[in-house]
Amino acid sequence: MSITVNGLDELKKLAGSDLGTSAWIEVTQERIDTFADATGDHQWIHVDPERAKDGPFGAPIAHGFLTLSLFIPLFTELLEVEGVSTKVNYGLDRVRFPAPVKVGSRIRLVAKLASVEDVPDGVQIAVDGTMEIDGGGKPAAVLRSLSRFYV
């Protein structure tokens, strides 16, 4: 379920609020292979299912940066900001990958709007996100993402 706000003033009122939980998304071997092709990272632990069976995780795992990149489509399910001219990814304050995402696993995002701060012509938000693994004891990623919204 998405939260929709209109303009920066409404966004500011959400500071400190839980944004909810996204839908699950499956991390398939095809998604992993496509990411490997896009980035040039073809390490066997990601792209060689036969070899990965005998590896430390018993199966291929997603690249940490693939898991991280899925933050954006999952986040857009949670918060829609209308009445702004531009939305940009401003970066990350911190990222950790506590558990690997095995091929075939499902992940989802749980997010909180940690802060909203004024910047010239807009605001910067900090979102605390946890990428959960379906049935997993530890999260796939824990991060703070920064975005800017301009009028």
N, C-alpha and C. Protein backbone atom coordinates (compact mmCIF):
# COMPACT_ATOMS: atom_id res chain seq x y z
N MET A 1 0.84 -1.17 0.00
CA MET A 1 0.00 0.00 0.00
C MET A 1 0.89 1.24 0.00
N SER A 2 0.64 2.12 -0.91
CA SER A 2 1.47 3.30 -1.09
C SER A 2 0.91 4.50 -0.33
N ILE A 3 1.83 5.31 0.16
CA ILE A 3 1.49 6.59 0.76
C ILE A 3 1.74 7.64 -0.32
N THR A 4 0.76 8.50 -0.56
CA THR A 4 0.91 9.57 -1.53
C THR A 4 0.84 10.90 -0.81
N VAL A 5 1.82 11.76 -1.07
CA VAL A 5 1.81 13.11 -0.53
C VAL A 5 1.87 14.09 -1.70
N ASN A 6 1.33 15.28 -1.48
CA ASN A 6 1.34 16.30 -2.50
C ASN A 6 2.18 17.46 -2.00
N GLY A 7 3.39 17.56 -2.54
CA GLY A 7 4.26 18.68 -2.22
C GLY A 7 5.17 18.41 -1.03
N LEU A 8 6.09 19.33 -0.88
CA LEU A 8 7.14 19.17 0.13
C LEU A 8 6.62 19.34 1.55
N ASP A 9 5.63 20.20 1.75
CA ASP A 9 5.10 20.40 3.10
C ASP A 9 4.46 19.12 3.63
N GLU A 10 3.71 18.43 2.79
CA GLU A 10 3.12 17.15 3.21
C GLU A 10 4.21 16.11 3.46
N LEU A 11 5.25 16.12 2.65
CA LEU A 11 6.35 15.18 2.84
C LEU A 11 7.04 15.42 4.18
N LYS A 12 7.23 16.68 4.53
CA LYS A 12 7.88 17.02 5.80
C LYS A 12 7.10 16.48 7.00
N LYS A 13 5.78 16.45 6.89
CA LYS A 13 4.95 15.96 7.99
C LYS A 13 5.12 14.46 8.23
N LEU A 14 5.67 13.75 7.25
CA LEU A 14 5.88 12.31 7.38
C LEU A 14 7.19 11.94 8.08
N ALA A 15 8.04 12.91 8.33
CA ALA A 15 9.35 12.62 8.95
C ALA A 15 9.15 11.78 10.21
N GLY A 16 9.91 10.71 10.30
CA GLY A 16 9.84 9.81 11.44
C GLY A 16 8.80 8.71 11.30
N SER A 17 8.06 8.70 10.20
CA SER A 17 6.98 7.73 10.00
C SER A 17 7.45 6.44 9.35
N ASP A 18 6.80 5.35 9.74
CA ASP A 18 6.99 4.09 9.03
C ASP A 18 6.28 4.21 7.69
N LEU A 19 6.95 3.77 6.63
CA LEU A 19 6.37 3.82 5.30
C LEU A 19 5.72 2.51 4.90
N GLY A 20 5.95 1.47 5.69
CA GLY A 20 5.32 0.20 5.42
C GLY A 20 6.25 -0.82 4.80
N THR A 21 5.63 -1.80 4.17
CA THR A 21 6.34 -2.95 3.61
C THR A 21 5.92 -3.15 2.17
N SER A 22 6.89 -3.34 1.29
CA SER A 22 6.61 -3.57 -0.13
C SER A 22 6.12 -4.99 -0.35
N ALA A 23 5.74 -5.26 -1.59
CA ALA A 23 5.44 -6.63 -2.01
C ALA A 23 6.75 -7.41 -2.12
N TRP A 24 6.65 -8.71 -2.13
CA TRP A 24 7.82 -9.56 -2.34
C TRP A 24 8.23 -9.52 -3.81
N ILE A 25 9.53 -9.64 -4.08
CA ILE A 25 10.04 -9.76 -5.44
C ILE A 25 11.01 -10.95 -5.46
N GLU A 26 10.88 -11.81 -6.46
CA GLU A 26 11.75 -12.99 -6.56
C GLU A 26 13.07 -12.62 -7.23
N VAL A 27 14.13 -13.14 -6.68
CA VAL A 27 15.46 -12.95 -7.27
C VAL A 27 15.80 -14.23 -8.03
N THR A 28 15.61 -14.16 -9.34
CA THR A 28 15.81 -15.32 -10.21
C THR A 28 17.25 -15.38 -10.74
N GLN A 29 17.62 -16.54 -11.26
CA GLN A 29 18.94 -16.66 -11.89
C GLN A 29 19.02 -15.73 -13.10
N GLU A 30 17.93 -15.60 -13.83
CA GLU A 30 17.92 -14.70 -14.99
C GLU A 30 18.21 -13.26 -14.56
N ARG A 31 17.61 -12.81 -13.45
CA ARG A 31 17.86 -11.45 -12.96
C ARG A 31 19.34 -11.30 -12.57
N ILE A 32 19.88 -12.31 -11.90
CA ILE A 32 21.29 -12.28 -11.49
C ILE A 32 22.19 -12.23 -12.71
N ASP A 33 21.90 -13.07 -13.71
CA ASP A 33 22.73 -13.10 -14.93
C ASP A 33 22.66 -11.77 -15.68
N THR A 34 21.47 -11.18 -15.74
CA THR A 34 21.32 -9.89 -16.42
C THR A 34 22.12 -8.82 -15.70
N PHE A 35 22.09 -8.83 -14.37
CA PHE A 35 22.87 -7.88 -13.60
C PHE A 35 24.37 -8.10 -13.84
N ALA A 36 24.78 -9.36 -13.86
CA ALA A 36 26.19 -9.68 -14.13
C ALA A 36 26.61 -9.13 -15.49
N ASP A 37 25.76 -9.31 -16.49
CA ASP A 37 26.08 -8.79 -17.83
C ASP A 37 26.16 -7.27 -17.84
N ALA A 38 25.26 -6.62 -17.11
CA ALA A 38 25.24 -5.16 -17.08
C ALA A 38 26.45 -4.58 -16.37
N THR A 39 26.96 -5.29 -15.36
CA THR A 39 28.06 -4.76 -14.55
C THR A 39 29.42 -5.36 -14.87
N GLY A 40 29.43 -6.47 -15.58
CA GLY A 40 30.69 -7.15 -15.86
C GLY A 40 31.19 -8.00 -14.69
N ASP A 41 30.36 -8.19 -13.68
CA ASP A 41 30.72 -9.00 -12.51
C ASP A 41 30.16 -10.40 -12.69
N HIS A 42 30.98 -11.28 -13.24
CA HIS A 42 30.57 -12.66 -13.53
C HIS A 42 31.20 -13.66 -12.57
N GLN A 43 31.40 -13.26 -11.32
CA GLN A 43 31.98 -14.18 -10.34
C GLN A 43 31.11 -15.43 -10.27
N TRP A 44 31.76 -16.60 -10.19
CA TRP A 44 31.05 -17.88 -10.24
C TRP A 44 29.99 -18.04 -9.16
N ILE A 45 30.18 -17.43 -8.00
CA ILE A 45 29.21 -17.57 -6.91
C ILE A 45 27.84 -17.02 -7.30
N HIS A 46 27.82 -16.18 -8.35
CA HIS A 46 26.57 -15.60 -8.84
C HIS A 46 26.04 -16.30 -10.09
N VAL A 47 26.92 -16.66 -11.01
CA VAL A 47 26.47 -17.04 -12.36
C VAL A 47 26.72 -18.50 -12.74
N ASP A 48 27.35 -19.28 -11.89
CA ASP A 48 27.61 -20.69 -12.21
C ASP A 48 26.88 -21.59 -11.21
N PRO A 49 25.62 -21.93 -11.51
CA PRO A 49 24.82 -22.72 -10.56
C PRO A 49 25.46 -24.04 -10.16
N GLU A 50 26.10 -24.73 -11.09
CA GLU A 50 26.72 -26.02 -10.77
C GLU A 50 27.86 -25.86 -9.77
N ARG A 51 28.74 -24.92 -10.02
CA ARG A 51 29.86 -24.69 -9.11
C ARG A 51 29.37 -24.12 -7.78
N ALA A 52 28.37 -23.24 -7.84
CA ALA A 52 27.86 -22.60 -6.62
C ALA A 52 27.21 -23.61 -5.67
N LYS A 53 26.69 -24.74 -6.20
CA LYS A 53 26.12 -25.78 -5.34
C LYS A 53 27.14 -26.26 -4.31
N ASP A 54 28.41 -26.28 -4.70
CA ASP A 54 29.48 -26.74 -3.80
C ASP A 54 30.15 -25.59 -3.08
N GLY A 55 29.66 -24.37 -3.27
CA GLY A 55 30.24 -23.19 -2.64
C GLY A 55 29.73 -23.01 -1.22
N PRO A 56 30.09 -21.91 -0.60
CA PRO A 56 29.77 -21.70 0.81
C PRO A 56 28.28 -21.53 1.12
N PHE A 57 27.45 -21.24 0.10
CA PHE A 57 26.03 -21.00 0.34
C PHE A 57 25.13 -22.09 -0.24
N GLY A 58 25.70 -23.05 -0.96
CA GLY A 58 24.94 -24.17 -1.49
C GLY A 58 24.11 -23.85 -2.71
N ALA A 59 24.22 -22.65 -3.22
CA ALA A 59 23.46 -22.20 -4.39
C ALA A 59 24.04 -20.87 -4.84
N PRO A 60 23.71 -20.44 -6.06
CA PRO A 60 24.13 -19.09 -6.48
C PRO A 60 23.47 -18.04 -5.59
N ILE A 61 24.16 -16.93 -5.41
CA ILE A 61 23.61 -15.82 -4.63
C ILE A 61 23.62 -14.55 -5.49
N ALA A 62 22.70 -13.66 -5.15
CA ALA A 62 22.63 -12.37 -5.84
C ALA A 62 23.83 -11.51 -5.45
N HIS A 63 24.26 -10.68 -6.35
CA HIS A 63 25.26 -9.67 -6.04
C HIS A 63 24.67 -8.75 -4.96
N GLY A 64 25.51 -8.31 -4.04
CA GLY A 64 25.03 -7.36 -3.04
C GLY A 64 24.47 -6.11 -3.69
N PHE A 65 25.14 -5.64 -4.75
CA PHE A 65 24.67 -4.43 -5.41
C PHE A 65 23.39 -4.66 -6.21
N LEU A 66 23.11 -5.89 -6.62
CA LEU A 66 21.81 -6.19 -7.22
C LEU A 66 20.72 -6.04 -6.16
N THR A 67 20.96 -6.61 -5.00
CA THR A 67 20.00 -6.47 -3.89
C THR A 67 19.78 -5.00 -3.60
N LEU A 68 20.85 -4.24 -3.52
CA LEU A 68 20.75 -2.81 -3.25
C LEU A 68 19.96 -2.09 -4.34
N SER A 69 20.19 -2.45 -5.59
CA SER A 69 19.49 -1.77 -6.69
C SER A 69 17.99 -2.01 -6.65
N LEU A 70 17.56 -3.09 -6.05
CA LEU A 70 16.13 -3.38 -5.96
C LEU A 70 15.43 -2.49 -4.93
N PHE A 71 16.20 -1.75 -4.15
CA PHE A 71 15.61 -0.79 -3.22
C PHE A 71 14.69 0.19 -3.94
N ILE A 72 15.12 0.70 -5.08
CA ILE A 72 14.36 1.75 -5.78
C ILE A 72 12.98 1.25 -6.23
N PRO A 73 12.87 0.14 -6.97
CA PRO A 73 11.51 -0.26 -7.36
C PRO A 73 10.64 -0.64 -6.16
N LEU A 74 11.24 -1.19 -5.12
CA LEU A 74 10.46 -1.54 -3.93
C LEU A 74 10.04 -0.28 -3.17
N PHE A 75 10.93 0.70 -3.09
CA PHE A 75 10.62 1.95 -2.39
C PHE A 75 9.49 2.71 -3.09
N THR A 76 9.49 2.68 -4.42
CA THR A 76 8.46 3.43 -5.15
C THR A 76 7.07 2.84 -4.91
N GLU A 77 6.99 1.61 -4.42
CA GLU A 77 5.70 1.04 -4.02
C GLU A 77 5.19 1.68 -2.72
N LEU A 78 6.10 2.24 -1.93
CA LEU A 78 5.75 2.70 -0.60
C LEU A 78 5.42 4.19 -0.52
N LEU A 79 6.10 5.01 -1.30
CA LEU A 79 5.92 6.46 -1.19
C LEU A 79 5.89 7.09 -2.57
N GLU A 80 4.83 7.86 -2.82
CA GLU A 80 4.71 8.65 -4.05
C GLU A 80 4.62 10.11 -3.65
N VAL A 81 5.55 10.91 -4.20
CA VAL A 81 5.56 12.34 -3.92
C VAL A 81 5.13 13.07 -5.18
N GLU A 82 3.96 13.70 -5.11
CA GLU A 82 3.44 14.47 -6.23
C GLU A 82 3.69 15.95 -5.98
N GLY A 83 3.56 16.74 -7.02
CA GLY A 83 3.71 18.18 -6.87
C GLY A 83 5.16 18.63 -6.77
N VAL A 84 6.08 17.81 -7.28
CA VAL A 84 7.49 18.19 -7.34
C VAL A 84 7.94 18.07 -8.79
N SER A 85 9.00 18.81 -9.13
CA SER A 85 9.45 18.78 -10.53
C SER A 85 10.47 17.68 -10.78
N THR A 86 11.28 17.37 -9.78
CA THR A 86 12.37 16.42 -9.97
C THR A 86 12.60 15.61 -8.71
N LYS A 87 12.90 14.33 -8.91
CA LYS A 87 13.26 13.42 -7.82
C LYS A 87 14.60 12.80 -8.20
N VAL A 88 15.58 12.87 -7.30
CA VAL A 88 16.89 12.29 -7.61
C VAL A 88 17.42 11.47 -6.45
N ASN A 89 18.13 10.41 -6.80
CA ASN A 89 18.85 9.61 -5.83
C ASN A 89 20.10 10.41 -5.45
N TYR A 90 20.27 10.70 -4.17
CA TYR A 90 21.40 11.51 -3.73
C TYR A 90 22.54 10.67 -3.16
N GLY A 91 22.27 9.40 -2.84
CA GLY A 91 23.33 8.53 -2.37
C GLY A 91 22.92 7.70 -1.18
N LEU A 92 23.92 7.21 -0.50
CA LEU A 92 23.73 6.32 0.64
C LEU A 92 24.62 6.75 1.79
N ASP A 93 24.10 6.70 2.99
CA ASP A 93 24.93 6.96 4.16
C ASP A 93 25.61 5.69 4.64
N ARG A 94 24.89 4.57 4.57
CA ARG A 94 25.49 3.30 4.99
C ARG A 94 24.72 2.16 4.36
N VAL A 95 25.45 1.06 4.15
CA VAL A 95 24.85 -0.16 3.60
C VAL A 95 25.58 -1.35 4.20
N ARG A 96 24.81 -2.35 4.59
CA ARG A 96 25.38 -3.62 5.05
C ARG A 96 24.59 -4.74 4.41
N PHE A 97 25.25 -5.87 4.17
CA PHE A 97 24.62 -7.05 3.59
C PHE A 97 24.76 -8.21 4.57
N PRO A 98 23.91 -8.27 5.61
CA PRO A 98 24.06 -9.30 6.65
C PRO A 98 23.88 -10.74 6.18
N ALA A 99 23.06 -10.97 5.14
CA ALA A 99 22.81 -12.34 4.68
C ALA A 99 22.75 -12.37 3.16
N PRO A 100 23.25 -13.44 2.56
CA PRO A 100 23.19 -13.56 1.10
C PRO A 100 21.77 -13.88 0.64
N VAL A 101 21.46 -13.47 -0.58
CA VAL A 101 20.17 -13.77 -1.19
C VAL A 101 20.40 -14.90 -2.19
N LYS A 102 19.95 -16.11 -1.84
CA LYS A 102 20.10 -17.25 -2.73
C LYS A 102 19.12 -17.14 -3.89
N VAL A 103 19.54 -17.66 -5.03
CA VAL A 103 18.68 -17.66 -6.21
C VAL A 103 17.34 -18.31 -5.84
N GLY A 104 16.26 -17.71 -6.33
CA GLY A 104 14.92 -18.21 -6.03
C GLY A 104 14.31 -17.62 -4.78
N SER A 105 15.09 -16.89 -4.00
CA SER A 105 14.56 -16.26 -2.79
C SER A 105 13.69 -15.07 -3.15
N ARG A 106 12.84 -14.71 -2.21
CA ARG A 106 12.02 -13.50 -2.36
C ARG A 106 12.50 -12.49 -1.33
N ILE A 107 12.54 -11.23 -1.75
CA ILE A 107 12.91 -10.15 -0.84
C ILE A 107 11.84 -9.07 -0.88
N ARG A 108 11.80 -8.28 0.19
CA ARG A 108 10.89 -7.13 0.24
C ARG A 108 11.56 -6.04 1.08
N LEU A 109 11.02 -4.86 1.00
CA LEU A 109 11.55 -3.70 1.70
C LEU A 109 10.62 -3.28 2.83
N VAL A 110 11.19 -3.05 4.00
CA VAL A 110 10.50 -2.40 5.10
C VAL A 110 11.23 -1.07 5.28
N ALA A 111 10.48 0.05 5.28
CA ALA A 111 11.13 1.36 5.27
C ALA A 111 10.51 2.34 6.25
N LYS A 112 11.38 3.24 6.70
CA LYS A 112 10.97 4.33 7.60
C LYS A 112 11.57 5.62 7.05
N LEU A 113 10.77 6.68 7.04
CA LEU A 113 11.27 7.99 6.63
C LEU A 113 11.96 8.61 7.84
N ALA A 114 13.27 8.46 7.90
CA ALA A 114 14.04 8.87 9.08
C ALA A 114 14.07 10.38 9.25
N SER A 115 14.23 11.11 8.14
CA SER A 115 14.29 12.57 8.26
C SER A 115 13.95 13.24 6.94
N VAL A 116 13.56 14.49 7.05
CA VAL A 116 13.31 15.36 5.90
C VAL A 116 13.96 16.69 6.23
N GLU A 117 14.94 17.10 5.42
CA GLU A 117 15.67 18.34 5.68
C GLU A 117 15.62 19.24 4.47
N ASP A 118 15.51 20.54 4.72
CA ASP A 118 15.51 21.51 3.64
C ASP A 118 16.87 21.58 2.96
N VAL A 119 16.84 21.69 1.63
CA VAL A 119 18.01 21.98 0.81
C VAL A 119 17.56 23.08 -0.15
N PRO A 120 18.49 23.78 -0.80
CA PRO A 120 18.06 24.82 -1.74
C PRO A 120 17.07 24.28 -2.78
N ASP A 121 15.92 24.91 -2.88
CA ASP A 121 14.87 24.57 -3.84
C ASP A 121 14.21 23.21 -3.62
N GLY A 122 14.37 22.63 -2.41
CA GLY A 122 13.73 21.34 -2.19
C GLY A 122 14.00 20.77 -0.82
N VAL A 123 13.91 19.44 -0.73
CA VAL A 123 14.20 18.74 0.51
C VAL A 123 15.04 17.50 0.21
N GLN A 124 15.75 17.07 1.24
CA GLN A 124 16.48 15.81 1.19
C GLN A 124 15.86 14.89 2.23
N ILE A 125 15.54 13.66 1.79
CA ILE A 125 15.00 12.69 2.74
C ILE A 125 16.03 11.60 2.99
N ALA A 126 16.00 11.08 4.21
CA ALA A 126 16.78 9.90 4.57
C ALA A 126 15.78 8.79 4.88
N VAL A 127 15.96 7.67 4.21
CA VAL A 127 15.08 6.52 4.40
C VAL A 127 15.90 5.37 4.95
N ASP A 128 15.46 4.85 6.10
CA ASP A 128 16.08 3.65 6.67
C ASP A 128 15.34 2.45 6.10
N GLY A 129 16.08 1.59 5.41
CA GLY A 129 15.46 0.44 4.76
C GLY A 129 16.08 -0.87 5.21
N THR A 130 15.23 -1.87 5.31
CA THR A 130 15.67 -3.23 5.58
C THR A 130 15.09 -4.11 4.48
N MET A 131 15.99 -4.78 3.76
CA MET A 131 15.58 -5.72 2.72
C MET A 131 15.49 -7.10 3.37
N GLU A 132 14.27 -7.56 3.58
CA GLU A 132 14.03 -8.84 4.23
C GLU A 132 14.04 -9.98 3.22
N ILE A 133 14.48 -11.14 3.68
CA ILE A 133 14.45 -12.37 2.87
C ILE A 133 13.31 -13.23 3.41
N ASP A 134 12.43 -13.67 2.53
CA ASP A 134 11.31 -14.51 2.93
C ASP A 134 11.84 -15.78 3.63
N GLY A 135 11.49 -15.94 4.89
CA GLY A 135 11.92 -17.10 5.65
C GLY A 135 13.33 -16.99 6.22
N GLY A 136 13.99 -15.86 6.00
CA GLY A 136 15.36 -15.68 6.46
C GLY A 136 15.42 -15.11 7.86
N GLY A 137 16.47 -15.48 8.57
CA GLY A 137 16.65 -14.96 9.92
C GLY A 137 17.29 -13.58 9.96
N LYS A 138 18.13 -13.31 8.97
CA LYS A 138 18.80 -12.02 8.88
C LYS A 138 18.38 -11.32 7.60
N PRO A 139 18.44 -9.99 7.59
CA PRO A 139 18.08 -9.27 6.36
C PRO A 139 19.15 -9.39 5.29
N ALA A 140 18.73 -9.19 4.05
CA ALA A 140 19.65 -9.18 2.92
C ALA A 140 20.47 -7.90 2.90
N ALA A 141 19.85 -6.79 3.29
CA ALA A 141 20.53 -5.49 3.31
C ALA A 141 19.86 -4.59 4.34
N VAL A 142 20.68 -3.77 4.94
CA VAL A 142 20.22 -2.72 5.85
C VAL A 142 20.90 -1.45 5.37
N LEU A 143 20.12 -0.39 5.15
CA LEU A 143 20.71 0.79 4.52
C LEU A 143 20.00 2.06 4.93
N ARG A 144 20.68 3.16 4.67
CA ARG A 144 20.08 4.49 4.72
C ARG A 144 20.29 5.11 3.35
N SER A 145 19.19 5.41 2.70
CA SER A 145 19.21 5.99 1.36
C SER A 145 18.84 7.46 1.44
N LEU A 146 19.49 8.27 0.61
CA LEU A 146 19.22 9.70 0.55
C LEU A 146 18.65 10.05 -0.82
N SER A 147 17.58 10.81 -0.81
CA SER A 147 16.96 11.28 -2.06
C SER A 147 16.64 12.76 -1.91
N ARG A 148 16.57 13.43 -3.05
CA ARG A 148 16.19 14.84 -3.04
C ARG A 148 14.98 15.04 -3.94
N PHE A 149 14.10 15.92 -3.48
CA PHE A 149 12.90 16.28 -4.22
C PHE A 149 12.94 17.79 -4.39
N TYR A 150 12.77 18.24 -5.63
CA TYR A 150 12.86 19.66 -5.95
C TYR A 150 11.53 20.17 -6.45
N VAL A 151 11.24 21.47 -6.12
CA VAL A 151 10.00 22.11 -6.58
C VAL A 151 10.13 22.54 -8.02
